[in-house]
Structure formats: C-alpha cells, structure tokens
Amino acid sequence: MSGGDAELARAAATPHPTAPDDDTPLDDADFAALMARCAPFERRPRIAVGVSGGRDSMALALLAARWARAQGGSVLALTVDHGLRADSGAEAAQVGRWLAGRGIAHGVLRWDGAKPATGIQEAAARARRALLLQRCRAEGVFHLLLAHQRDDQAETVAMRAARASGADGLAGMALVVETAHARILRPLLPVPRRRLAATLRAVGQGWIDDPSNANPAFLRTRLRQAGTAADAGDIERAGRARVEREAELAGLLAHHVAIHPEGWARVDPALFATAGELGPAALARIVTTIGGGAYAPRGERVARLHAVLAAGMPGHARTLGGCILAPRRGAILVAREAGTVAPAVAAVPGSEVFWDGRFVVALPAGLPAGLRVGALGAAGWRQVVSHCKALRSCAVPPLVRGSLPALWHLDDVLAVPHLFYRRQDQGADSFSAVFMRFRPRHALADAGFLVA
C-alpha cells in the first residue's frame, strides 16, 4: 500500500455520520454502496476514470482506485487536454504526478484540430467523451467513470429548464449510459460537492480549479453564481417518470418494429395509431437508429410526420432524419436515404472503420491497399448484378440496396457482405473475412434511463 493509500485508508476508517448533506469525507463503504448501484462488474474489474484535476474527479479517481484494488482490479485515469488554455498541458502533467504518487496509472488525451468559435463548452464536452470512449475501446475497458455530482445534476437540470427542455431533459443525467464502446457510470450523482472536497482534504490531496468555471459568459456559471438550481426531489420524480416512459416505449418498439441486419426497419403502422403521446418519441427513435444520426431530428419535424402517420398509412414516401419512410405491403419500410449517406472512407487492412454512423466494418490483414468503404449506390448495384444476376431477386428491398456498405477499390465493387457478394475475379477468398455489422450510434432500445 502506497503512502497515499495509507492516508486514504486511515481517513476511511474514521467513523462519521453518513447523512448526504454533511461535510464528512466519503469512505470505502460509502463508495462501494454507490458503485453497487452501477453494477454489474466483471471479476477483477478494470475501469477508467475521467480526471480533469478538479476536486470532483480527483476524489473519484482516489476512491475508484481503492474500490478496484479491493476487487483485485485496476484503474486507468485519463485526462483530456482540450488545449483551450495556455496552462492546460502543465495542469495535465500535474494530475499525472499526483496520481503516480498514489500508484494510479494515468494517460493524457489531446483534443487536436480547430475549435469552434461558439458553443465551446458543449463542443469540448463532446470531444472529451469521444476521446475517453475511444481510449476505453483501445484498452479493452468496459466501464468509464465520470465525476458529475449532485450539484452538477441540479445545475444541468436548471440549464435545461432555462432552455425549455422537454420532460426527459428535466430528469437530468443518467446514472448509467450504455454506449457501443463502454458503460458510462456516474456513481457520484447523489453526492454533494462539499463531501468530495472533504474527501480530498482528509488525505491532503490538492486539486486544480478551472478558471472557466467562474466565467459568467457561460450559462452554468451564471446559474451557479445566482444560486439557481433545480430541486433534488423534482429531479428524482422527473427521473422516475422518465424510467416509466422509456420502459413503455421500449415495449411498443419491440412489439411493432423489426430491425434487419442490412440497416432497415419494417414498422407496423398501428404503432403510430396506438402509442398516444409516445408516438413522436417512437418515430424519433426509429429514424435516429436507421439514419445513424448523433441526435434525433427536430421536434417539430417529428411531430408533423407523426401526425401524418397516426392518421393512417401515408399515400407516398416521406423523409425524416436522413431516412425514407415508404408504405410497403401493409407496413412502413424505413431505410437510409441513399442520397444523404456519408462519403466513402479509407479502409486500411487489419483495422476497423465506422461508416455513416451505422456500420462497423472490420477488414482482415493482407488485403490490398487503396480500399475504401462507401455506399453501394445505383452504379455499384448495376455492377454487382452484372456479375451475379441472381441478386436481382435478393430479399433486400430495392429501397435499401443503394445505402448498403460496400468495399470499393477505385471504381470496382469488391465485396458487399450483406448480399453475400464477392468479386470472383478479384480472389474471393481474400474478401470472405470482411465483416460489416449494423451497429448504429443509437440503438432502438437500450438499458433505459437509470435514476441516481
């Protein structure tokens, strides 16, 4: 046990009241109870912790390291250097020294490239999350801990209320969010900020105060300085209501929607006639999943199309969120709108590519250079059926075929795995291991919102 761990162990062994509003440090039992609500974990869990160097994330890193070691596991602390301030690099290095002194592995991730002129806090948060999740995937880590706490939650809900957020937004941040790369856990959501400061003071651990947190140019700062925050009871009630809505929505989607591996859906139109106030949410989920979007379409567009669908089967195809919705044999076929798919991307043998927000493409080593993954399109379809005429009667609907992912070399389609097609004259065996899986950014239904 390092000297830092011994200090934290002594502090954890000191009896103290555990009321949530006191100023006493969190101990090992407190944190174990918080982590239990984020279960399950594997044996000997390996977890990552986002550590900015502020009081909240430093406290989380120390507590998480002790918790993981007690399970025979380990922690990887990760600091994102956004490069927005001159001191950010030095601060990241300081965090590394602090953590090294307590035997905690640490890495720095840098947000490179141009930064937006407006909405910088939101852009930085998105970049931070993406970088952290990418590193988790590279390290084979299943759990990413973030240090949002009760005061953050109240401020977040107040911000959403000021922006006229809907009912889901007023439920605040979820305790657990499942992503394609890792589970995002926020075990400290029930804990007030002052208890985390007390946890660090108990072991003599310093932290870094980010000056941007006092900048009144940001809405969160103005709300904090004005003492404006949402009530914890209101947040919990909104969260529980959201849990109930999401469970009902998941049931509706499971009953009325069939997702196909080629990235399209067949929807029973009765969904929109019977879902009531959940109908627009169901429509938004469907087109976000099939369209591969990072965000759902704007609410007013969803509401307009939902009104059409709820009135009965549409007479012709409609578009929304990068999707086309067309009546087909008593159902509504939802497919990616071929004209809006992402451009082709380079495909390096021995690597994976995420294309169009929808498909993961894995290429074996040993393939030739110069490959790319892109939409099959009309030209690609003509080429494919010229080599394999039997595909003209394949089960994949015509509306879907043009948006299928294909492996290209120059102007030649070498493989379309969803059609079981490989160019025979290009050495079919070498492309038999090309793997393309429909894995959109947002699943049709997931673990659902979890209340902190």
Protein backbone atom coordinates (compact mmCIF):
# COMPACT_ATOMS: atom_id res chain seq x y z
CA MET A 1 0.00 0.00 0.00
CA SER A 2 1.41 3.39 -1.01
CA GLY A 3 1.67 6.26 1.44
CA GLY A 4 -1.28 7.97 -0.26
CA ASP A 5 -3.35 4.80 0.02
CA ALA A 6 -2.50 4.50 3.71
CA GLU A 7 -3.71 8.07 4.29
CA LEU A 8 -6.96 7.37 2.49
CA ALA A 9 -7.43 4.10 4.39
CA ARG A 10 -6.97 5.88 7.73
CA ALA A 11 -9.48 8.53 6.70
CA ALA A 12 -11.92 5.84 5.55
CA ALA A 13 -11.62 4.03 8.89
CA THR A 14 -12.62 7.15 10.86
CA PRO A 15 -16.25 6.84 11.96
CA HIS A 16 -18.50 9.68 10.88
CA PRO A 17 -22.15 10.36 10.07
CA THR A 18 -23.17 9.42 6.55
CA ALA A 19 -26.02 11.88 6.02
CA PRO A 20 -25.87 13.02 2.39
CA ASP A 21 -25.76 16.71 3.24
CA ASP A 22 -22.91 16.73 5.75
CA ASP A 23 -19.32 17.78 5.12
CA THR A 24 -17.67 14.48 6.01
CA PRO A 25 -15.43 12.54 3.62
CA LEU A 26 -16.73 9.60 1.66
CA ASP A 27 -15.34 6.32 2.98
CA ASP A 28 -14.83 2.97 1.29
CA ALA A 29 -18.25 1.69 2.38
CA ASP A 30 -19.95 4.83 1.06
CA PHE A 31 -18.29 4.45 -2.32
CA ALA A 32 -18.89 0.70 -2.50
CA ALA A 33 -22.62 1.38 -2.00
CA LEU A 34 -22.54 3.97 -4.79
CA MET A 35 -20.77 1.57 -7.13
CA ALA A 36 -23.19 -1.25 -6.32
CA ARG A 37 -25.94 0.81 -7.92
CA CYS A 38 -23.88 0.84 -11.15
CA ALA A 39 -23.46 -2.96 -11.28
CA PRO A 40 -22.77 -5.35 -12.85
CA PHE A 41 -18.98 -5.56 -12.99
CA GLU A 42 -16.72 -8.38 -14.06
CA ARG A 43 -14.41 -10.15 -11.61
CA ARG A 44 -11.25 -8.08 -11.10
CA PRO A 45 -12.81 -5.06 -12.85
CA ARG A 46 -10.70 -2.74 -14.92
CA ILE A 47 -12.18 0.74 -15.00
CA ALA A 48 -11.28 4.10 -16.49
CA VAL A 49 -11.88 7.44 -14.77
CA GLY A 50 -12.07 10.82 -16.48
CA VAL A 51 -9.88 13.12 -14.38
CA SER A 52 -9.71 16.83 -15.15
CA GLY A 53 -7.79 17.60 -11.97
CA GLY A 54 -10.72 19.33 -10.31
CA ARG A 55 -11.90 18.34 -6.87
CA ASP A 56 -14.70 16.07 -8.06
CA SER A 57 -12.68 13.98 -10.49
CA MET A 58 -9.65 13.77 -8.20
CA ALA A 59 -11.84 12.44 -5.40
CA LEU A 60 -13.44 9.98 -7.80
CA ALA A 61 -10.05 8.72 -9.01
CA LEU A 62 -8.80 8.06 -5.48
CA LEU A 63 -12.00 6.37 -4.34
CA ALA A 64 -12.30 4.32 -7.54
CA ALA A 65 -8.70 3.13 -7.31
CA ARG A 66 -9.27 1.84 -3.77
CA TRP A 67 -12.54 0.19 -4.79
CA ALA A 68 -10.99 -1.53 -7.83
CA ARG A 69 -7.97 -2.75 -5.87
CA ALA A 70 -10.26 -4.26 -3.26
CA GLN A 71 -11.85 -6.30 -6.09
CA GLY A 72 -8.46 -7.33 -7.48
CA GLY A 73 -8.90 -4.94 -10.39
CA SER A 74 -7.25 -1.72 -11.55
CA VAL A 75 -7.94 1.86 -12.63
CA LEU A 76 -6.74 3.89 -15.62
CA ALA A 77 -7.13 7.65 -15.07
CA LEU A 78 -7.49 9.69 -18.26
CA THR A 79 -7.11 13.45 -18.62
CA VAL A 80 -8.28 15.24 -21.75
CA ASP A 81 -6.14 18.25 -22.63
CA HIS A 82 -8.51 20.43 -24.64
CA GLY A 83 -5.75 22.91 -25.46
CA LEU A 84 -8.08 25.82 -24.73
CA ARG A 85 -5.82 27.47 -22.15
CA ALA A 86 -2.07 28.02 -22.06
CA ASP A 87 -1.74 26.13 -18.77
CA SER A 88 -3.73 23.05 -19.79
CA GLY A 89 -0.69 20.94 -20.64
CA ALA A 90 1.06 21.75 -17.37
CA GLU A 91 -2.14 21.01 -15.45
CA ALA A 92 -2.48 17.60 -17.11
CA ALA A 93 1.12 16.83 -16.18
CA GLN A 94 0.43 17.85 -12.58
CA VAL A 95 -2.54 15.49 -12.44
CA GLY A 96 -0.27 12.71 -13.68
CA ARG A 97 2.27 13.38 -10.92
CA TRP A 98 -0.41 13.40 -8.23
CA LEU A 99 -1.86 10.11 -9.43
CA ALA A 100 1.53 8.47 -9.90
CA GLY A 101 2.24 9.27 -6.25
CA ARG A 102 -0.78 7.17 -5.34
CA GLY A 103 0.03 4.32 -7.71
CA ILE A 104 -2.67 5.15 -10.26
CA ALA A 105 -1.95 4.73 -13.97
CA HIS A 106 -2.59 7.89 -15.99
CA GLY A 107 -2.84 8.91 -19.62
CA VAL A 108 -3.35 12.24 -21.41
CA LEU A 109 -5.62 12.58 -24.44
CA ARG A 110 -5.39 15.69 -26.60
CA TRP A 111 -8.18 17.41 -28.48
CA ASP A 112 -6.42 18.48 -31.66
CA GLY A 113 -7.71 20.46 -34.59
CA ALA A 114 -9.71 23.64 -35.00
CA LYS A 115 -12.01 24.70 -32.17
CA PRO A 116 -15.46 26.23 -32.73
CA ALA A 117 -15.95 29.97 -32.20
CA THR A 118 -19.25 29.43 -30.39
CA GLY A 119 -20.64 26.68 -28.14
CA ILE A 120 -17.13 25.85 -26.97
CA GLN A 121 -18.18 24.20 -23.69
CA GLU A 122 -20.61 21.86 -25.45
CA ALA A 123 -18.08 21.05 -28.17
CA ALA A 124 -15.36 20.39 -25.59
CA ALA A 125 -17.67 18.07 -23.64
CA ARG A 126 -18.48 16.09 -26.80
CA ALA A 127 -14.81 15.84 -27.75
CA ARG A 128 -13.89 14.75 -24.22
CA ARG A 129 -16.47 11.99 -24.20
CA ALA A 130 -15.43 10.75 -27.65
CA LEU A 131 -11.74 10.68 -26.73
CA LEU A 132 -12.39 8.88 -23.45
CA LEU A 133 -14.58 6.25 -25.09
CA GLN A 134 -12.08 5.69 -27.89
CA ARG A 135 -9.33 5.06 -25.34
CA CYS A 136 -11.59 2.71 -23.38
CA ARG A 137 -12.18 0.68 -26.50
CA ALA A 138 -8.47 0.59 -27.32
CA GLU A 139 -7.67 -0.57 -23.76
CA GLY A 140 -10.49 -3.09 -23.55
CA VAL A 141 -12.07 -1.23 -20.62
CA PHE A 142 -15.80 -1.74 -20.15
CA HIS A 143 -16.54 0.97 -17.54
CA LEU A 144 -15.85 4.71 -17.76
CA LEU A 145 -16.47 6.69 -14.58
CA LEU A 146 -17.28 10.40 -14.75
CA ALA A 147 -17.36 12.69 -11.73
CA HIS A 148 -20.67 14.50 -12.15
CA GLN A 149 -22.15 15.04 -8.70
CA ARG A 150 -25.39 16.24 -7.15
CA ASP A 151 -24.69 19.96 -7.62
CA ASP A 152 -23.80 19.34 -11.28
CA GLN A 153 -27.06 17.49 -11.70
CA ALA A 154 -29.10 20.34 -10.23
CA GLU A 155 -27.30 22.91 -12.39
CA THR A 156 -27.73 20.77 -15.51
CA VAL A 157 -31.47 20.49 -14.98
CA ALA A 158 -31.71 24.25 -14.29
CA MET A 159 -29.91 24.90 -17.59
CA ARG A 160 -32.26 22.60 -19.45
CA ALA A 161 -35.27 24.26 -17.84
CA ALA A 162 -33.93 27.68 -18.89
CA ARG A 163 -33.74 26.35 -22.45
CA ALA A 164 -37.29 24.93 -22.28
CA SER A 165 -36.11 21.32 -22.37
CA GLY A 166 -38.69 18.57 -22.55
CA ALA A 167 -39.64 16.18 -19.77
CA ASP A 168 -36.75 13.81 -20.47
CA GLY A 169 -34.21 16.62 -20.15
CA LEU A 170 -35.61 17.62 -16.77
CA ALA A 171 -34.80 14.13 -15.47
CA GLY A 172 -31.13 15.13 -15.56
CA MET A 173 -28.13 12.92 -16.23
CA ALA A 174 -28.49 9.15 -16.02
CA LEU A 175 -26.61 7.06 -13.51
CA VAL A 176 -25.54 4.61 -16.24
CA VAL A 177 -25.38 5.10 -20.01
CA GLU A 178 -24.51 2.20 -22.29
CA THR A 179 -22.55 3.04 -25.44
CA ALA A 180 -21.04 0.92 -28.17
CA HIS A 181 -17.60 1.18 -26.53
CA ALA A 182 -18.17 1.25 -22.77
CA ARG A 183 -20.66 1.86 -19.98
CA ILE A 184 -20.56 5.44 -18.72
CA LEU A 185 -21.06 5.48 -14.95
CA ARG A 186 -21.73 8.48 -12.72
CA PRO A 187 -21.61 6.98 -9.21
CA LEU A 188 -21.28 10.38 -7.51
CA LEU A 189 -24.59 11.83 -8.73
CA PRO A 190 -26.21 11.55 -5.26
CA VAL A 191 -23.19 13.19 -3.53
CA PRO A 192 -22.89 16.95 -2.86
CA ARG A 193 -19.76 18.77 -3.98
CA ARG A 194 -18.64 19.64 -0.46
CA ARG A 195 -18.30 15.99 0.55
CA LEU A 196 -15.87 15.43 -2.30
CA ALA A 197 -13.76 18.40 -1.22
CA ALA A 198 -13.78 16.97 2.32
CA THR A 199 -12.66 13.59 0.94
CA LEU A 200 -9.57 15.18 -0.61
CA ARG A 201 -8.75 17.33 2.41
CA ALA A 202 -8.84 14.25 4.61
CA VAL A 203 -5.85 12.81 2.73
CA GLY A 204 -4.05 16.05 1.94
CA GLN A 205 -4.74 15.87 -1.78
CA GLY A 206 -4.85 19.11 -3.76
CA TRP A 207 -6.84 19.85 -6.87
CA ILE A 208 -6.95 22.35 -9.74
CA ASP A 209 -9.66 24.96 -10.07
CA ASP A 210 -10.55 25.60 -13.72
CA PRO A 211 -10.95 29.38 -14.17
CA SER A 212 -13.58 28.82 -16.87
CA ASN A 213 -15.92 27.62 -14.11
CA ALA A 214 -16.09 31.23 -12.88
CA ASN A 215 -16.59 32.78 -16.33
CA PRO A 216 -20.04 34.46 -16.46
CA ALA A 217 -20.07 34.05 -20.25
CA PHE A 218 -21.36 30.52 -19.62
CA LEU A 219 -24.94 29.84 -18.55
CA ARG A 220 -23.92 27.24 -15.96
CA THR A 221 -21.68 29.78 -14.24
CA ARG A 222 -24.42 32.41 -14.18
CA LEU A 223 -26.90 29.96 -12.69
CA ARG A 224 -24.37 28.87 -10.08
CA GLN A 225 -23.49 32.42 -9.10
CA ALA A 226 -27.19 33.28 -8.85
CA GLY A 227 -27.83 30.26 -6.65
CA THR A 228 -30.26 28.86 -9.22
CA ALA A 229 -30.53 25.09 -9.19
CA ALA A 230 -33.26 22.51 -9.62
CA ASP A 231 -34.76 20.80 -6.60
CA ALA A 232 -33.43 17.29 -5.94
CA GLY A 233 -36.92 15.96 -5.29
CA ASP A 234 -38.21 17.35 -8.57
CA ILE A 235 -35.28 15.77 -10.42
CA GLU A 236 -35.94 12.38 -8.85
CA ARG A 237 -39.64 12.50 -9.70
CA ALA A 238 -38.83 13.51 -13.28
CA GLY A 239 -36.30 10.69 -13.46
CA ARG A 240 -38.74 8.06 -12.26
CA ALA A 241 -41.34 9.31 -14.72
CA ARG A 242 -38.76 9.02 -17.49
CA VAL A 243 -37.96 5.44 -16.43
CA GLU A 244 -41.63 4.54 -16.78
CA ARG A 245 -41.95 6.27 -20.16
CA GLU A 246 -38.85 4.57 -21.54
CA ALA A 247 -39.98 1.14 -20.38
CA GLU A 248 -43.35 1.64 -22.08
CA LEU A 249 -41.66 2.99 -25.21
CA ALA A 250 -39.29 0.01 -25.38
CA GLY A 251 -42.26 -2.34 -25.18
CA LEU A 252 -44.04 -0.56 -28.02
CA LEU A 253 -40.96 -0.64 -30.23
CA ALA A 254 -40.31 -4.31 -29.53
CA HIS A 255 -43.89 -5.16 -30.47
CA HIS A 256 -44.20 -3.04 -33.63
CA VAL A 257 -40.70 -2.69 -35.15
CA ALA A 258 -38.43 -5.27 -36.80
CA ILE A 259 -34.82 -4.23 -37.41
CA HIS A 260 -32.96 -6.01 -40.22
CA PRO A 261 -29.18 -6.56 -40.35
CA GLU A 262 -28.91 -4.59 -43.60
CA GLY A 263 -29.82 -1.47 -41.61
CA TRP A 264 -33.54 -1.00 -42.29
CA ALA A 265 -36.76 -1.44 -40.35
CA ARG A 266 -40.26 -2.73 -41.01
CA VAL A 267 -42.81 -0.88 -38.87
CA ASP A 268 -46.37 -1.87 -38.11
CA PRO A 269 -48.33 1.35 -38.75
CA ALA A 270 -50.56 0.52 -35.76
CA LEU A 271 -47.69 1.83 -33.63
CA PHE A 272 -48.47 5.42 -34.52
CA ALA A 273 -52.23 4.99 -34.14
CA THR A 274 -51.97 3.46 -30.65
CA ALA A 275 -48.86 4.92 -29.00
CA GLY A 276 -50.55 8.17 -27.96
CA GLU A 277 -48.15 10.76 -26.61
CA LEU A 278 -45.26 8.28 -27.01
CA GLY A 279 -45.79 8.16 -30.79
CA PRO A 280 -43.41 11.03 -31.66
CA ALA A 281 -40.74 9.56 -29.39
CA ALA A 282 -41.12 6.19 -31.10
CA LEU A 283 -40.78 7.79 -34.53
CA ALA A 284 -37.71 9.73 -33.42
CA ARG A 285 -36.09 6.55 -32.07
CA ILE A 286 -36.70 4.67 -35.31
CA VAL A 287 -35.28 7.29 -37.67
CA THR A 288 -32.32 8.04 -35.37
CA THR A 289 -31.41 4.36 -35.32
CA ILE A 290 -31.84 3.72 -39.04
CA GLY A 291 -30.38 7.09 -40.04
CA GLY A 292 -27.31 6.69 -37.82
CA GLY A 293 -27.70 10.24 -36.52
CA ALA A 294 -25.91 11.59 -33.49
CA TYR A 295 -29.11 13.36 -32.46
CA ALA A 296 -32.82 12.92 -33.10
CA PRO A 297 -34.47 15.19 -35.69
CA ARG A 298 -36.02 18.46 -34.52
CA GLY A 299 -39.18 18.01 -32.52
CA GLU A 300 -41.43 19.99 -34.82
CA ARG A 301 -40.45 17.88 -37.86
CA VAL A 302 -41.05 14.68 -35.92
CA ALA A 303 -44.44 15.94 -34.73
CA ARG A 304 -45.56 16.85 -38.27
CA LEU A 305 -44.68 13.46 -39.73
CA HIS A 306 -46.11 11.63 -36.74
CA ALA A 307 -49.45 13.37 -37.29
CA VAL A 308 -49.47 12.08 -40.87
CA LEU A 309 -48.61 8.52 -39.81
CA ALA A 310 -51.10 8.49 -36.94
CA ALA A 311 -53.87 9.44 -39.39
CA GLY A 312 -53.29 6.28 -41.44
CA MET A 313 -50.95 4.76 -44.00
CA PRO A 314 -49.26 7.56 -45.98
CA GLY A 315 -50.02 7.68 -49.67
CA HIS A 316 -46.39 8.20 -50.67
CA ALA A 317 -42.87 8.10 -49.22
CA ARG A 318 -41.76 10.72 -46.69
CA THR A 319 -38.30 11.69 -45.43
CA LEU A 320 -37.03 12.49 -41.95
CA GLY A 321 -33.65 12.39 -40.24
CA GLY A 322 -31.77 11.02 -43.24
CA CYS A 323 -34.36 8.26 -43.70
CA ILE A 324 -37.06 7.49 -46.20
CA LEU A 325 -40.34 6.09 -44.89
CA ALA A 326 -42.40 4.32 -47.54
CA PRO A 327 -45.62 2.27 -47.47
CA ARG A 328 -44.94 -1.33 -48.43
CA ARG A 329 -47.44 -4.22 -48.26
CA GLY A 330 -49.32 -3.01 -45.22
CA ALA A 331 -46.21 -1.87 -43.35
CA ILE A 332 -43.93 1.16 -43.33
CA LEU A 333 -40.44 0.46 -44.59
CA VAL A 334 -37.81 2.76 -43.04
CA ALA A 335 -34.47 2.88 -44.88
CA ARG A 336 -31.46 5.13 -45.05
CA GLU A 337 -31.97 7.84 -47.65
CA ALA A 338 -29.34 6.85 -50.22
CA GLY A 339 -28.62 10.43 -51.28
CA THR A 340 -27.65 11.52 -47.77
CA VAL A 341 -25.24 8.77 -46.78
CA ALA A 342 -21.74 9.67 -45.65
CA PRO A 343 -18.90 9.82 -48.21
CA ALA A 344 -16.66 6.81 -48.66
CA VAL A 345 -13.83 6.44 -46.16
CA ALA A 346 -10.42 4.81 -46.42
CA ALA A 347 -10.37 1.19 -45.27
CA VAL A 348 -6.96 0.05 -44.02
CA PRO A 349 -6.44 -3.73 -43.94
CA GLY A 350 -6.16 -5.03 -40.39
CA SER A 351 -8.32 -2.24 -38.94
CA GLU A 352 -11.93 -1.28 -38.24
CA VAL A 353 -13.96 1.53 -39.81
CA PHE A 354 -17.19 3.09 -38.52
CA TRP A 355 -19.11 4.30 -41.54
CA ASP A 356 -22.20 6.51 -41.87
CA GLY A 357 -22.97 6.35 -38.15
CA ARG A 358 -24.39 2.87 -38.76
CA PHE A 359 -21.91 0.17 -39.74
CA VAL A 360 -18.76 -1.24 -38.20
CA VAL A 361 -16.51 -2.65 -40.90
CA ALA A 362 -13.62 -4.94 -39.96
CA LEU A 363 -11.00 -5.75 -42.58
CA PRO A 364 -8.53 -8.62 -42.21
CA ALA A 365 -4.84 -8.02 -42.71
CA GLY A 366 -3.39 -8.97 -46.06
CA LEU A 367 -5.89 -7.19 -48.27
CA PRO A 368 -4.55 -4.82 -50.92
CA ALA A 369 -4.03 -1.14 -50.22
CA GLY A 370 -6.26 1.60 -51.60
CA LEU A 371 -9.57 0.19 -50.37
CA ARG A 372 -12.49 2.29 -49.20
CA VAL A 373 -15.90 1.69 -47.64
CA GLY A 374 -18.86 3.56 -49.09
CA ALA A 375 -22.44 3.21 -50.22
CA LEU A 376 -23.17 0.66 -52.92
CA GLY A 377 -25.29 3.21 -54.79
CA ALA A 378 -27.05 2.75 -58.11
CA ALA A 379 -23.82 2.35 -60.08
CA GLY A 380 -22.49 -0.24 -57.67
CA TRP A 381 -25.76 -2.18 -57.79
CA ARG A 382 -25.60 -2.32 -61.60
CA GLN A 383 -22.06 -3.60 -61.38
CA VAL A 384 -22.94 -6.24 -58.80
CA VAL A 385 -25.89 -7.67 -60.72
CA SER A 386 -23.85 -7.73 -63.93
CA HIS A 387 -21.55 -10.20 -62.19
CA CYS A 388 -24.27 -12.06 -60.29
CA LYS A 389 -27.67 -11.88 -61.98
CA ALA A 390 -29.32 -13.93 -59.21
CA LEU A 391 -29.06 -10.88 -56.93
CA ARG A 392 -31.83 -9.18 -58.90
CA SER A 393 -34.28 -11.25 -56.84
CA CYS A 394 -32.48 -10.94 -53.50
CA ALA A 395 -34.58 -10.40 -50.35
CA VAL A 396 -33.11 -6.99 -49.58
CA PRO A 397 -35.73 -4.39 -50.60
CA PRO A 398 -34.78 -2.19 -53.57
CA LEU A 399 -35.16 0.91 -51.40
CA VAL A 400 -32.36 -0.39 -49.15
CA ARG A 401 -29.83 -1.65 -51.66
CA GLY A 402 -28.21 1.66 -52.61
CA SER A 403 -27.35 2.52 -48.97
CA LEU A 404 -25.67 -0.81 -48.23
CA PRO A 405 -21.99 -0.56 -47.29
CA ALA A 406 -19.66 -1.88 -49.97
CA LEU A 407 -15.92 -2.40 -50.22
CA TRP A 408 -14.55 -0.49 -53.19
CA HIS A 409 -11.23 -0.29 -55.00
CA LEU A 410 -11.16 2.56 -57.48
CA ASP A 411 -14.41 2.06 -59.47
CA ASP A 412 -14.79 -1.63 -58.67
CA VAL A 413 -17.08 -3.11 -56.01
CA LEU A 414 -15.07 -5.93 -54.43
CA ALA A 415 -17.48 -7.06 -51.70
CA VAL A 416 -20.97 -6.43 -50.35
CA PRO A 417 -21.23 -8.81 -47.37
CA HIS A 418 -24.95 -8.16 -46.79
CA LEU A 419 -25.61 -9.50 -50.29
CA PHE A 420 -23.07 -12.34 -49.84
CA TYR A 421 -21.27 -10.87 -52.83
CA ARG A 422 -17.52 -11.07 -53.55
CA ARG A 423 -15.88 -10.36 -56.90
CA GLN A 424 -14.78 -13.76 -58.09
CA ASP A 425 -12.18 -12.35 -60.47
CA GLN A 426 -10.51 -10.46 -57.60
CA GLY A 427 -9.82 -13.50 -55.47
CA ALA A 428 -12.99 -14.09 -53.50
CA ASP A 429 -11.28 -15.91 -50.64
CA SER A 430 -9.29 -12.83 -49.68
CA PHE A 431 -12.53 -10.89 -49.09
CA SER A 432 -14.51 -13.62 -47.34
CA ALA A 433 -13.40 -12.37 -43.93
CA VAL A 434 -14.56 -8.77 -44.50
CA PHE A 435 -17.09 -8.15 -41.73
CA MET A 436 -19.79 -5.47 -41.81
CA ARG A 437 -22.21 -5.19 -38.89
CA PHE A 438 -25.13 -2.81 -38.38
CA ARG A 439 -24.29 -1.02 -35.15
CA PRO A 440 -25.82 2.47 -35.21
CA ARG A 441 -24.83 5.23 -32.83
CA HIS A 442 -28.12 4.82 -31.00
CA ALA A 443 -29.90 1.52 -30.52
CA LEU A 444 -33.65 1.33 -30.96
CA ALA A 445 -33.93 0.44 -27.27
CA ASP A 446 -31.19 0.14 -24.65
CA ALA A 447 -30.84 -0.27 -20.91
CA GLY A 448 -33.01 2.78 -20.40
CA PHE A 449 -32.65 5.73 -18.08
CA LEU A 450 -31.41 4.90 -14.58
CA VAL A 451 -32.20 7.24 -11.71
CA ALA A 452 -29.35 8.26 -9.44
